[in-house]
Amino acid sequence: MSGQGHEGALGAVYEATTPEEVAQLYDGWASTYDAEMAQAGYRHPSICLALLARYVPAGSTPILDAGAGTGLVGEWLGIIGYPEVEALDISKGMLEVAARKNVYTRLHQAALGTPLPFADGHFAAIVSAGVFTTGHVGPEGLDELLRICRPGGVIVLTVKTAVWDNGFASRIGELTSGGRLSVIEQTDPYVSMPGEAGTVPSVAVVLRVGG
């Protein structure tokens, strides 16, 4: 078994060492991603949707799906009351699958952890499911999300505990102490894919921009 207890394509992306490698691997996985994640019982999208709906009023616009992949979260955002959702992902192949679902108003190819193509305070809320994890994005991705989310806005993230304990929690503490955000809610650890044995758990966290 490879990458954080995962086999196959997911294990490979967890073991990737560069953003370019991550993008290439996801491009090759795009056509079968939805079916494979459904079979594994992938929980991040439903948990993120529930937390977003708890803290962000229906009708708030626009929303960013950061690390949108094939649009697993985006498919539901319109249904539960968010009419304007933009997608961001590192993988062109994944965004091509997402585009065919017609659930996003705009799609952007870019990597979290790098400068993002949005104005300061552009989004009412941001959701990022399954991105802050091994081989993907660490705490370096937080600052740009804070920049592009409006003051008082909400950011919902899932974070692999291996990443949380390796600099993410301390960065959250620094940003909280500096008044740049507040933590509204943090879940207990949970396994994101119960269909795969031995995987490292994750937590979901809800942040309010501006403390």
C-alpha atoms as a PDB file:
ATOM      1  CA  MET A   1       0.000   0.000   0.000  1.00  0.00           C
ATOM      2  CA  SER A   2       1.342   3.492  -0.854  1.00  0.00           C
ATOM      3  CA  GLY A   3       0.844   7.183   0.023  1.00  0.00           C
ATOM      4  CA  GLN A   4      -0.757   7.568   3.489  1.00  0.00           C
ATOM      5  CA  GLY A   5      -2.307   4.105   3.319  1.00  0.00           C
ATOM      6  CA  HIS A   6      -3.891   4.626  -0.096  1.00  0.00           C
ATOM      7  CA  GLU A   7      -3.422   2.467  -3.167  1.00  0.00           C
ATOM      8  CA  GLY A   8      -3.579   3.244  -6.873  1.00  0.00           C
ATOM      9  CA  ALA A   9      -4.032   6.757  -8.220  1.00  0.00           C
ATOM     10  CA  LEU A  10      -4.661   8.352  -4.831  1.00  0.00           C
ATOM     11  CA  GLY A  11      -1.562   6.778  -3.342  1.00  0.00           C
ATOM     12  CA  ALA A  12       0.440   8.105  -6.278  1.00  0.00           C
ATOM     13  CA  VAL A  13      -0.747  11.703  -5.880  1.00  0.00           C
ATOM     14  CA  TYR A  14      -0.004  11.610  -2.143  1.00  0.00           C
ATOM     15  CA  GLU A  15       3.563  10.629  -2.986  1.00  0.00           C
ATOM     16  CA  ALA A  16       3.995  13.378  -5.614  1.00  0.00           C
ATOM     17  CA  THR A  17       6.796  15.843  -4.925  1.00  0.00           C
ATOM     18  CA  THR A  18       5.955  18.791  -7.221  1.00  0.00           C
ATOM     19  CA  PRO A  19       2.767  20.645  -8.251  1.00  0.00           C
ATOM     20  CA  GLU A  20       3.472  19.667 -11.852  1.00  0.00           C
ATOM     21  CA  GLU A  21       3.522  15.994 -10.909  1.00  0.00           C
ATOM     22  CA  VAL A  22       0.278  16.366  -8.958  1.00  0.00           C
ATOM     23  CA  ALA A  23      -1.405  18.021 -11.952  1.00  0.00           C
ATOM     24  CA  GLN A  24      -0.200  15.322 -14.351  1.00  0.00           C
ATOM     25  CA  LEU A  25      -1.402  12.507 -12.115  1.00  0.00           C
ATOM     26  CA  TYR A  26      -4.834  14.086 -11.654  1.00  0.00           C
ATOM     27  CA  ASP A  27      -5.107  14.672 -15.412  1.00  0.00           C
ATOM     28  CA  GLY A  28      -4.698  10.939 -15.926  1.00  0.00           C
ATOM     29  CA  TRP A  29      -7.154  10.076 -13.174  1.00  0.00           C
ATOM     30  CA  ALA A  30      -9.936  12.473 -14.156  1.00  0.00           C
ATOM     31  CA  SER A  31     -12.088  10.086 -16.199  1.00  0.00           C
ATOM     32  CA  THR A  32     -12.473   7.523 -13.390  1.00  0.00           C
ATOM     33  CA  TYR A  33     -12.138   9.783 -10.329  1.00  0.00           C
ATOM     34  CA  ASP A  34     -15.841  10.161  -9.475  1.00  0.00           C
ATOM     35  CA  ALA A  35     -16.569   6.427  -9.594  1.00  0.00           C
ATOM     36  CA  GLU A  36     -13.497   5.457  -7.584  1.00  0.00           C
ATOM     37  CA  MET A  37     -14.095   8.033  -4.867  1.00  0.00           C
ATOM     38  CA  ALA A  38     -17.757   7.043  -4.590  1.00  0.00           C
ATOM     39  CA  GLN A  39     -16.725   3.415  -4.158  1.00  0.00           C
ATOM     40  CA  ALA A  40     -14.328   4.446  -1.357  1.00  0.00           C
ATOM     41  CA  GLY A  41     -17.148   6.308   0.450  1.00  0.00           C
ATOM     42  CA  TYR A  42     -15.467   9.707   0.122  1.00  0.00           C
ATOM     43  CA  ARG A  43     -16.772  11.919   2.955  1.00  0.00           C
ATOM     44  CA  HIS A  44     -15.036  15.284   2.545  1.00  0.00           C
ATOM     45  CA  PRO A  45     -17.607  16.810   0.157  1.00  0.00           C
ATOM     46  CA  SER A  46     -20.633  16.081   2.364  1.00  0.00           C
ATOM     47  CA  ILE A  47     -18.881  17.284   5.521  1.00  0.00           C
ATOM     48  CA  CYS A  48     -17.774  20.515   3.834  1.00  0.00           C
ATOM     49  CA  LEU A  49     -21.242  21.133   2.431  1.00  0.00           C
ATOM     50  CA  ALA A  50     -22.837  20.693   5.843  1.00  0.00           C
ATOM     51  CA  LEU A  51     -20.406  23.083   7.506  1.00  0.00           C
ATOM     52  CA  LEU A  52     -20.739  25.676   4.744  1.00  0.00           C
ATOM     53  CA  ALA A  53     -24.528  25.599   4.986  1.00  0.00           C
ATOM     54  CA  ARG A  54     -24.306  26.011   8.777  1.00  0.00           C
ATOM     55  CA  TYR A  55     -22.369  29.281   8.589  1.00  0.00           C
ATOM     56  CA  VAL A  56     -22.950  30.820   5.138  1.00  0.00           C
ATOM     57  CA  PRO A  57     -26.475  32.042   4.314  1.00  0.00           C
ATOM     58  CA  ALA A  58     -28.060  30.660   1.173  1.00  0.00           C
ATOM     59  CA  GLY A  59     -27.722  33.086  -1.701  1.00  0.00           C
ATOM     60  CA  SER A  60     -24.292  34.344  -0.665  1.00  0.00           C
ATOM     61  CA  THR A  61     -22.146  35.009  -3.739  1.00  0.00           C
ATOM     62  CA  PRO A  62     -19.714  34.265  -5.088  1.00  0.00           C
ATOM     63  CA  ILE A  63     -18.370  31.022  -3.578  1.00  0.00           C
ATOM     64  CA  LEU A  64     -14.999  29.507  -4.509  1.00  0.00           C
ATOM     65  CA  ASP A  65     -14.535  25.752  -4.710  1.00  0.00           C
ATOM     66  CA  ALA A  66     -10.769  25.662  -4.172  1.00  0.00           C
ATOM     67  CA  GLY A  67      -9.374  22.374  -5.413  1.00  0.00           C
ATOM     68  CA  ALA A  68     -12.633  21.632  -7.183  1.00  0.00           C
ATOM     69  CA  GLY A  69     -11.399  18.569  -9.045  1.00  0.00           C
ATOM     70  CA  THR A  70     -14.241  17.048 -11.055  1.00  0.00           C
ATOM     71  CA  GLY A  71     -16.861  19.116  -9.241  1.00  0.00           C
ATOM     72  CA  LEU A  72     -18.018  16.767  -6.477  1.00  0.00           C
ATOM     73  CA  VAL A  73     -18.701  19.746  -4.191  1.00  0.00           C
ATOM     74  CA  GLY A  74     -19.835  22.062  -6.959  1.00  0.00           C
ATOM     75  CA  GLU A  75     -22.588  19.681  -8.035  1.00  0.00           C
ATOM     76  CA  TRP A  76     -24.332  20.274  -4.704  1.00  0.00           C
ATOM     77  CA  LEU A  77     -23.639  23.936  -4.015  1.00  0.00           C
ATOM     78  CA  GLY A  78     -26.265  25.185  -6.448  1.00  0.00           C
ATOM     79  CA  ILE A  79     -28.804  22.683  -5.161  1.00  0.00           C
ATOM     80  CA  ILE A  80     -28.434  23.863  -1.555  1.00  0.00           C
ATOM     81  CA  GLY A  81     -28.714  27.545  -2.423  1.00  0.00           C
ATOM     82  CA  TYR A  82     -25.436  29.031  -3.682  1.00  0.00           C
ATOM     83  CA  PRO A  83     -26.105  30.210  -7.243  1.00  0.00           C
ATOM     84  CA  GLU A  84     -22.673  31.552  -8.232  1.00  0.00           C
ATOM     85  CA  VAL A  85     -19.729  29.215  -7.709  1.00  0.00           C
ATOM     86  CA  GLU A  86     -16.275  29.425  -9.269  1.00  0.00           C
ATOM     87  CA  ALA A  87     -13.906  26.453  -9.543  1.00  0.00           C
ATOM     88  CA  LEU A  88     -10.160  26.442  -9.009  1.00  0.00           C
ATOM     89  CA  ASP A  89      -7.956  23.407  -9.607  1.00  0.00           C
ATOM     90  CA  ILE A  90      -4.390  22.553 -10.566  1.00  0.00           C
ATOM     91  CA  SER A  91      -5.472  19.911 -13.089  1.00  0.00           C
ATOM     92  CA  LYS A  92      -6.733  20.788 -16.550  1.00  0.00           C
ATOM     93  CA  GLY A  93      -8.123  17.269 -16.965  1.00  0.00           C
ATOM     94  CA  MET A  94     -10.164  17.460 -13.765  1.00  0.00           C
ATOM     95  CA  LEU A  95     -11.530  20.894 -14.719  1.00  0.00           C
ATOM     96  CA  GLU A  96     -12.593  19.537 -18.112  1.00  0.00           C
ATOM     97  CA  VAL A  97     -14.734  16.927 -16.337  1.00  0.00           C
ATOM     98  CA  ALA A  98     -16.102  19.606 -13.981  1.00  0.00           C
ATOM     99  CA  ALA A  99     -16.968  21.858 -16.932  1.00  0.00           C
ATOM    100  CA  ARG A 100     -19.221  19.185 -18.424  1.00  0.00           C
ATOM    101  CA  LYS A 101     -21.370  19.245 -15.282  1.00  0.00           C
ATOM    102  CA  ASN A 102     -22.337  22.903 -15.899  1.00  0.00           C
ATOM    103  CA  VAL A 103     -22.333  23.781 -12.204  1.00  0.00           C
ATOM    104  CA  TYR A 104     -19.665  26.519 -12.166  1.00  0.00           C
ATOM    105  CA  THR A 105     -19.891  30.076 -13.429  1.00  0.00           C
ATOM    106  CA  ARG A 106     -16.118  30.185 -14.077  1.00  0.00           C
ATOM    107  CA  LEU A 107     -13.227  27.732 -13.999  1.00  0.00           C
ATOM    108  CA  HIS A 108      -9.642  28.651 -13.188  1.00  0.00           C
ATOM    109  CA  GLN A 109      -6.515  26.509 -13.489  1.00  0.00           C
ATOM    110  CA  ALA A 110      -4.060  27.412 -10.726  1.00  0.00           C
ATOM    111  CA  ALA A 111      -2.360  25.826  -7.719  1.00  0.00           C
ATOM    112  CA  LEU A 112      -3.131  26.639  -4.107  1.00  0.00           C
ATOM    113  CA  GLY A 113       0.019  27.859  -2.416  1.00  0.00           C
ATOM    114  CA  THR A 114       0.788  30.185  -5.341  1.00  0.00           C
ATOM    115  CA  PRO A 115      -0.603  33.681  -6.122  1.00  0.00           C
ATOM    116  CA  LEU A 116      -4.241  33.275  -7.164  1.00  0.00           C
ATOM    117  CA  PRO A 117      -5.965  35.204  -9.985  1.00  0.00           C
ATOM    118  CA  PHE A 118      -8.577  36.981  -7.850  1.00  0.00           C
ATOM    119  CA  ALA A 119      -8.972  40.432  -6.335  1.00  0.00           C
ATOM    120  CA  ASP A 120      -8.737  40.992  -2.596  1.00  0.00           C
ATOM    121  CA  GLY A 121     -11.974  40.097  -0.805  1.00  0.00           C
ATOM    122  CA  HIS A 122     -13.633  38.713  -3.932  1.00  0.00           C
ATOM    123  CA  PHE A 123     -15.407  35.719  -2.392  1.00  0.00           C
ATOM    124  CA  ALA A 124     -18.169  35.517   0.207  1.00  0.00           C
ATOM    125  CA  ALA A 125     -16.947  32.056   1.187  1.00  0.00           C
ATOM    126  CA  ILE A 126     -14.432  29.411   0.162  1.00  0.00           C
ATOM    127  CA  VAL A 127     -14.663  25.646   0.469  1.00  0.00           C
ATOM    128  CA  SER A 128     -11.666  23.367  -0.010  1.00  0.00           C
ATOM    129  CA  ALA A 129     -12.282  19.625   0.334  1.00  0.00           C
ATOM    130  CA  GLY A 130      -9.390  17.180   0.326  1.00  0.00           C
ATOM    131  CA  VAL A 131      -6.690  19.652  -0.725  1.00  0.00           C
ATOM    132  CA  PHE A 132      -4.720  20.348   2.452  1.00  0.00           C
ATOM    133  CA  THR A 133      -3.188  16.902   2.560  1.00  0.00           C
ATOM    134  CA  THR A 134       0.007  14.962   1.996  1.00  0.00           C
ATOM    135  CA  GLY A 135       1.718  15.735  -1.300  1.00  0.00           C
ATOM    136  CA  HIS A 136      -0.692  18.586  -2.059  1.00  0.00           C
ATOM    137  CA  VAL A 137      -0.937  21.825  -0.054  1.00  0.00           C
ATOM    138  CA  GLY A 138       0.182  22.758   3.450  1.00  0.00           C
ATOM    139  CA  PRO A 139      -0.127  25.936   5.520  1.00  0.00           C
ATOM    140  CA  GLU A 140       1.465  27.955   2.723  1.00  0.00           C
ATOM    141  CA  GLY A 141      -1.919  27.899   0.994  1.00  0.00           C
ATOM    142  CA  LEU A 142      -3.752  29.774   3.750  1.00  0.00           C
ATOM    143  CA  ASP A 143      -2.617  33.343   3.151  1.00  0.00           C
ATOM    144  CA  GLU A 144      -3.957  33.615  -0.385  1.00  0.00           C
ATOM    145  CA  LEU A 145      -7.320  32.171   0.668  1.00  0.00           C
ATOM    146  CA  LEU A 146      -7.525  34.784   3.414  1.00  0.00           C
ATOM    147  CA  ARG A 147      -6.645  37.515   0.918  1.00  0.00           C
ATOM    148  CA  ILE A 148      -9.351  36.622  -1.589  1.00  0.00           C
ATOM    149  CA  CYS A 149     -12.131  35.993   0.974  1.00  0.00           C
ATOM    150  CA  ARG A 150     -13.940  39.133   2.123  1.00  0.00           C
ATOM    151  CA  PRO A 151     -13.734  40.293   5.759  1.00  0.00           C
ATOM    152  CA  GLY A 152     -16.276  38.350   7.769  1.00  0.00           C
ATOM    153  CA  GLY A 153     -16.355  35.620   5.141  1.00  0.00           C
ATOM    154  CA  VAL A 154     -16.075  31.929   5.880  1.00  0.00           C
ATOM    155  CA  ILE A 155     -13.496  29.379   4.748  1.00  0.00           C
ATOM    156  CA  VAL A 156     -14.241  25.659   5.163  1.00  0.00           C
ATOM    157  CA  LEU A 157     -11.239  23.333   4.876  1.00  0.00           C
ATOM    158  CA  THR A 158     -10.429  19.689   5.396  1.00  0.00           C
ATOM    159  CA  VAL A 159      -6.913  18.978   6.651  1.00  0.00           C
ATOM    160  CA  LYS A 160      -5.170  15.618   6.934  1.00  0.00           C
ATOM    161  CA  THR A 161      -4.030  15.210  10.560  1.00  0.00           C
ATOM    162  CA  ALA A 162      -0.463  14.538   9.382  1.00  0.00           C
ATOM    163  CA  VAL A 163      -0.506  18.031   7.829  1.00  0.00           C
ATOM    164  CA  TRP A 164      -2.401  19.584  10.757  1.00  0.00           C
ATOM    165  CA  ASP A 165       0.238  18.393  13.207  1.00  0.00           C
ATOM    166  CA  ASN A 166       3.131  19.401  10.950  1.00  0.00           C
ATOM    167  CA  GLY A 167       2.803  23.176  10.862  1.00  0.00           C
ATOM    168  CA  PHE A 168      -0.839  23.758   9.949  1.00  0.00           C
ATOM    169  CA  ALA A 169      -2.162  24.099  13.497  1.00  0.00           C
ATOM    170  CA  SER A 170       0.672  26.413  14.474  1.00  0.00           C
ATOM    171  CA  ARG A 171       0.036  28.614  11.419  1.00  0.00           C
ATOM    172  CA  ILE A 172      -3.654  28.803  12.330  1.00  0.00           C
ATOM    173  CA  GLY A 173      -2.580  29.899  15.813  1.00  0.00           C
ATOM    174  CA  GLU A 174      -0.344  32.627  14.390  1.00  0.00           C
ATOM    175  CA  LEU A 175      -3.100  33.944  12.125  1.00  0.00           C
ATOM    176  CA  THR A 176      -5.587  33.886  15.001  1.00  0.00           C
ATOM    177  CA  SER A 177      -3.222  35.759  17.304  1.00  0.00           C
ATOM    178  CA  GLY A 178      -2.657  38.332  14.564  1.00  0.00           C
ATOM    179  CA  GLY A 179      -6.398  38.926  14.199  1.00  0.00           C
ATOM    180  CA  ARG A 180      -6.506  37.686  10.608  1.00  0.00           C
ATOM    181  CA  LEU A 181      -8.971  34.896  11.331  1.00  0.00           C
ATOM    182  CA  SER A 182     -10.917  33.075  14.017  1.00  0.00           C
ATOM    183  CA  VAL A 183     -11.728  29.391  14.245  1.00  0.00           C
ATOM    184  CA  ILE A 184     -15.504  28.947  14.370  1.00  0.00           C
ATOM    185  CA  GLU A 185     -15.567  25.166  14.456  1.00  0.00           C
ATOM    186  CA  GLN A 186     -13.206  22.212  14.247  1.00  0.00           C
ATOM    187  CA  THR A 187     -14.463  18.660  13.903  1.00  0.00           C
ATOM    188  CA  ASP A 188     -13.149  15.596  15.632  1.00  0.00           C
ATOM    189  CA  PRO A 189     -10.824  13.498  13.440  1.00  0.00           C
ATOM    190  CA  TYR A 190     -12.601  11.279  10.916  1.00  0.00           C
ATOM    191  CA  VAL A 191     -11.594   8.921   8.127  1.00  0.00           C
ATOM    192  CA  SER A 192     -12.307  10.500   4.762  1.00  0.00           C
ATOM    193  CA  MET A 193     -12.576   7.205   2.869  1.00  0.00           C
ATOM    194  CA  PRO A 194     -13.876   4.343   5.011  1.00  0.00           C
ATOM    195  CA  GLY A 195     -13.720   2.073   1.970  1.00  0.00           C
ATOM    196  CA  GLU A 196      -9.927   2.034   2.276  1.00  0.00           C
ATOM    197  CA  ALA A 197      -8.390   0.494   5.400  1.00  0.00           C
ATOM    198  CA  GLY A 198      -5.579   2.091   7.370  1.00  0.00           C
ATOM    199  CA  THR A 199      -5.909   5.642   6.085  1.00  0.00           C
ATOM    200  CA  VAL A 200      -4.737   8.655   8.080  1.00  0.00           C
ATOM    201  CA  PRO A 201      -7.689  10.648   9.490  1.00  0.00           C
ATOM    202  CA  SER A 202      -8.573  14.249   8.740  1.00  0.00           C
ATOM    203  CA  VAL A 203     -10.278  17.158  10.471  1.00  0.00           C
ATOM    204  CA  ALA A 204     -12.534  19.825   9.021  1.00  0.00           C
ATOM    205  CA  VAL A 205     -12.190  23.398  10.209  1.00  0.00           C
ATOM    206  CA  VAL A 206     -14.316  26.514   9.701  1.00  0.00           C
ATOM    207  CA  LEU A 207     -12.510  29.866   9.687  1.00  0.00           C
ATOM    208  CA  ARG A 208     -13.921  33.383   9.845  1.00  0.00           C
ATOM    209  CA  VAL A 209     -11.805  35.962   8.041  1.00  0.00           C
ATOM    210  CA  GLY A 210     -10.787  38.953  10.116  1.00  0.00           C
ATOM    211  CA  GLY A 211     -11.228  37.375  13.541  1.00  0.00           C
END
